């Protein structure tokens, strides 16, 4: 399953966000192909630990996939 993030998080913030949704599982950044209808969109813009990485603008899509 893909997780689409509008904003990237620091490693601690990302782990916390993923654990809130999926429990204690490991995730890593990856470019993967999948059916968009099976994806989940997270809007993390209201989280205090979010920040934009250099070169990204609001609405940029970063794809995260769980490690199996």
N, C-alpha and C. Protein backbone atom coordinates (compact mmCIF):
# COMPACT_ATOMS: atom_id res chain seq x y z
N UNK A 1 0.85 -1.18 0.00
CA UNK A 1 0.00 0.00 0.00
C UNK A 1 0.89 1.24 0.00
N UNK A 2 0.53 2.22 -0.79
CA UNK A 2 1.26 3.48 -0.82
C UNK A 2 0.66 4.45 0.17
N UNK A 3 1.50 5.32 0.67
CA UNK A 3 1.05 6.42 1.51
C UNK A 3 1.53 7.70 0.85
N UNK A 4 0.64 8.56 0.44
CA UNK A 4 1.01 9.81 -0.20
C UNK A 4 1.06 10.91 0.84
N UNK A 5 2.18 11.61 0.91
CA UNK A 5 2.33 12.72 1.85
C UNK A 5 2.47 14.02 1.08
N UNK A 6 1.74 15.05 1.48
CA UNK A 6 1.94 16.37 0.90
C UNK A 6 3.19 17.02 1.43
N UNK A 7 3.56 16.68 2.64
CA UNK A 7 4.74 17.28 3.27
C UNK A 7 5.60 16.16 3.84
N UNK A 8 6.89 16.37 3.83
CA UNK A 8 7.78 15.38 4.43
C UNK A 8 8.02 15.73 5.89
N UNK A 9 8.34 14.74 6.67
CA UNK A 9 8.56 14.93 8.10
C UNK A 9 9.99 14.55 8.45
N UNK A 10 10.45 15.06 9.57
CA UNK A 10 11.69 14.54 10.13
C UNK A 10 11.49 13.07 10.49
N UNK A 11 12.56 12.34 10.65
CA UNK A 11 12.43 10.89 10.86
C UNK A 11 11.56 10.56 12.07
N UNK A 12 11.72 11.29 13.16
CA UNK A 12 10.90 11.01 14.34
C UNK A 12 9.43 11.33 14.07
N UNK A 13 9.17 12.45 13.40
CA UNK A 13 7.80 12.83 13.10
C UNK A 13 7.14 11.86 12.15
N UNK A 14 7.89 11.39 11.15
CA UNK A 14 7.34 10.43 10.20
C UNK A 14 6.99 9.13 10.90
N UNK A 15 7.91 8.64 11.72
CA UNK A 15 7.66 7.39 12.42
C UNK A 15 6.42 7.50 13.30
N UNK A 16 6.29 8.62 14.00
CA UNK A 16 5.13 8.82 14.86
C UNK A 16 3.84 8.83 14.04
N UNK A 17 3.87 9.52 12.90
CA UNK A 17 2.67 9.60 12.05
C UNK A 17 2.29 8.23 11.52
N UNK A 18 3.29 7.44 11.12
CA UNK A 18 3.00 6.11 10.58
C UNK A 18 2.51 5.18 11.69
N UNK A 19 3.11 5.28 12.88
CA UNK A 19 2.70 4.41 13.97
C UNK A 19 1.27 4.72 14.41
N UNK A 20 0.88 6.00 14.33
CA UNK A 20 -0.50 6.36 14.68
C UNK A 20 -1.49 5.62 13.79
N UNK A 21 -1.13 5.44 12.52
CA UNK A 21 -2.06 4.83 11.56
C UNK A 21 -1.90 3.31 11.48
N UNK A 22 -0.67 2.81 11.60
CA UNK A 22 -0.41 1.41 11.27
C UNK A 22 0.27 0.62 12.37
N UNK A 23 0.51 1.22 13.53
CA UNK A 23 1.19 0.50 14.59
C UNK A 23 2.70 0.47 14.37
N UNK A 24 3.37 -0.35 15.12
CA UNK A 24 4.83 -0.37 15.13
C UNK A 24 5.36 -1.17 13.94
N UNK A 25 5.39 -0.55 12.78
CA UNK A 25 5.92 -1.17 11.57
C UNK A 25 6.95 -0.22 10.97
N UNK A 26 7.86 -0.76 10.18
CA UNK A 26 8.94 0.04 9.61
C UNK A 26 8.56 0.52 8.22
N UNK A 27 8.82 1.80 7.95
CA UNK A 27 8.53 2.39 6.65
C UNK A 27 9.80 3.02 6.09
N UNK A 28 9.89 3.10 4.78
CA UNK A 28 11.01 3.80 4.17
C UNK A 28 10.56 4.47 2.88
N UNK A 29 11.31 5.52 2.48
CA UNK A 29 10.99 6.25 1.27
C UNK A 29 11.24 5.37 0.07
N UNK A 30 10.34 5.36 -0.89
CA UNK A 30 10.55 4.55 -2.07
C UNK A 30 9.68 5.01 -3.23
N UNK A 31 10.21 4.89 -4.42
CA UNK A 31 9.43 5.15 -5.63
C UNK A 31 8.88 3.80 -6.08
N UNK A 32 7.58 3.62 -5.94
CA UNK A 32 6.97 2.35 -6.29
C UNK A 32 5.74 2.60 -7.15
N UNK A 33 5.39 1.62 -7.94
CA UNK A 33 4.20 1.71 -8.78
C UNK A 33 3.08 0.94 -8.12
N UNK A 34 1.91 1.54 -8.11
CA UNK A 34 0.74 0.87 -7.53
C UNK A 34 -0.52 1.52 -8.07
N UNK A 35 -1.61 0.83 -7.89
CA UNK A 35 -2.90 1.35 -8.31
C UNK A 35 -3.27 2.53 -7.41
N UNK A 36 -3.41 3.75 -7.98
CA UNK A 36 -3.73 4.92 -7.16
C UNK A 36 -5.00 4.76 -6.34
N UNK A 37 -5.92 3.93 -6.79
CA UNK A 37 -7.16 3.74 -6.04
C UNK A 37 -6.93 3.04 -4.71
N UNK A 38 -5.76 2.42 -4.56
CA UNK A 38 -5.44 1.73 -3.31
C UNK A 38 -4.58 2.58 -2.39
N UNK A 39 -4.35 3.83 -2.78
CA UNK A 39 -3.48 4.71 -2.00
C UNK A 39 -4.28 5.49 -0.97
N UNK A 40 -3.57 5.93 0.06
CA UNK A 40 -4.16 6.76 1.11
C UNK A 40 -3.48 8.11 1.08
N UNK A 41 -4.26 9.17 1.14
CA UNK A 41 -3.71 10.53 1.13
C UNK A 41 -3.68 11.06 2.55
N UNK A 42 -2.49 11.47 2.99
CA UNK A 42 -2.34 12.11 4.29
C UNK A 42 -2.11 13.59 4.07
N UNK A 43 -2.87 14.44 4.75
CA UNK A 43 -2.61 15.87 4.74
C UNK A 43 -2.03 16.22 6.10
N UNK A 44 -0.70 16.40 6.14
CA UNK A 44 -0.02 16.62 7.42
C UNK A 44 0.33 18.08 7.63
N UNK A 45 -0.29 18.98 6.87
CA UNK A 45 0.09 20.40 6.93
C UNK A 45 -0.21 21.03 8.28
N UNK A 46 -1.11 20.42 9.06
CA UNK A 46 -1.44 21.01 10.36
C UNK A 46 -0.61 20.42 11.50
N UNK A 47 0.34 19.54 11.18
CA UNK A 47 1.20 18.97 12.22
C UNK A 47 2.36 19.91 12.51
N UNK A 48 2.67 20.15 13.78
CA UNK A 48 3.74 21.10 14.11
C UNK A 48 5.13 20.62 13.71
N UNK A 49 5.30 19.31 13.48
CA UNK A 49 6.62 18.80 13.16
C UNK A 49 6.84 18.62 11.65
N UNK A 50 5.95 19.21 10.83
CA UNK A 50 6.14 19.11 9.39
C UNK A 50 7.02 20.24 8.90
N UNK A 51 7.72 19.99 7.82
CA UNK A 51 8.51 21.03 7.18
C UNK A 51 8.68 20.67 5.71
N UNK A 52 8.90 21.68 4.89
CA UNK A 52 9.13 21.44 3.46
C UNK A 52 10.61 21.24 3.21
N UNK A 53 10.96 20.19 2.50
CA UNK A 53 12.36 19.99 2.15
C UNK A 53 12.74 20.91 1.00
N UNK A 54 14.03 21.21 0.83
CA UNK A 54 14.44 22.10 -0.26
C UNK A 54 13.95 21.58 -1.61
N UNK A 55 13.41 22.48 -2.42
CA UNK A 55 12.95 22.10 -3.75
C UNK A 55 11.51 21.62 -3.80
N UNK A 56 10.89 21.44 -2.65
CA UNK A 56 9.50 21.01 -2.63
C UNK A 56 8.59 22.17 -2.29
N UNK A 57 7.40 22.13 -2.83
CA UNK A 57 6.40 23.16 -2.54
C UNK A 57 5.15 22.47 -2.00
N UNK A 58 4.28 23.20 -1.32
CA UNK A 58 3.03 22.58 -0.87
C UNK A 58 2.31 21.93 -2.04
N UNK A 59 1.84 20.72 -1.83
CA UNK A 59 1.19 19.97 -2.89
C UNK A 59 2.11 19.00 -3.60
N UNK A 60 3.43 19.10 -3.34
CA UNK A 60 4.35 18.11 -3.90
C UNK A 60 3.99 16.74 -3.33
N UNK A 61 4.14 15.72 -4.14
CA UNK A 61 3.79 14.38 -3.70
C UNK A 61 5.06 13.58 -3.44
N UNK A 62 5.17 13.05 -2.24
CA UNK A 62 6.25 12.13 -1.90
C UNK A 62 5.59 10.80 -1.59
N UNK A 63 6.10 9.74 -2.22
CA UNK A 63 5.46 8.44 -2.06
C UNK A 63 6.23 7.61 -1.03
N UNK A 64 5.52 7.10 -0.05
CA UNK A 64 6.11 6.25 0.97
C UNK A 64 5.45 4.89 0.90
N UNK A 65 6.25 3.85 1.02
CA UNK A 65 5.70 2.50 0.97
C UNK A 65 6.20 1.70 2.16
N UNK A 66 5.35 0.90 2.78
CA UNK A 66 5.80 0.08 3.91
C UNK A 66 6.75 -1.01 3.44
N UNK A 67 7.74 -1.31 4.27
CA UNK A 67 8.64 -2.43 3.99
C UNK A 67 7.95 -3.71 4.44
N UNK A 68 7.91 -4.72 3.53
CA UNK A 68 7.23 -5.95 3.92
C UNK A 68 8.16 -6.89 4.65
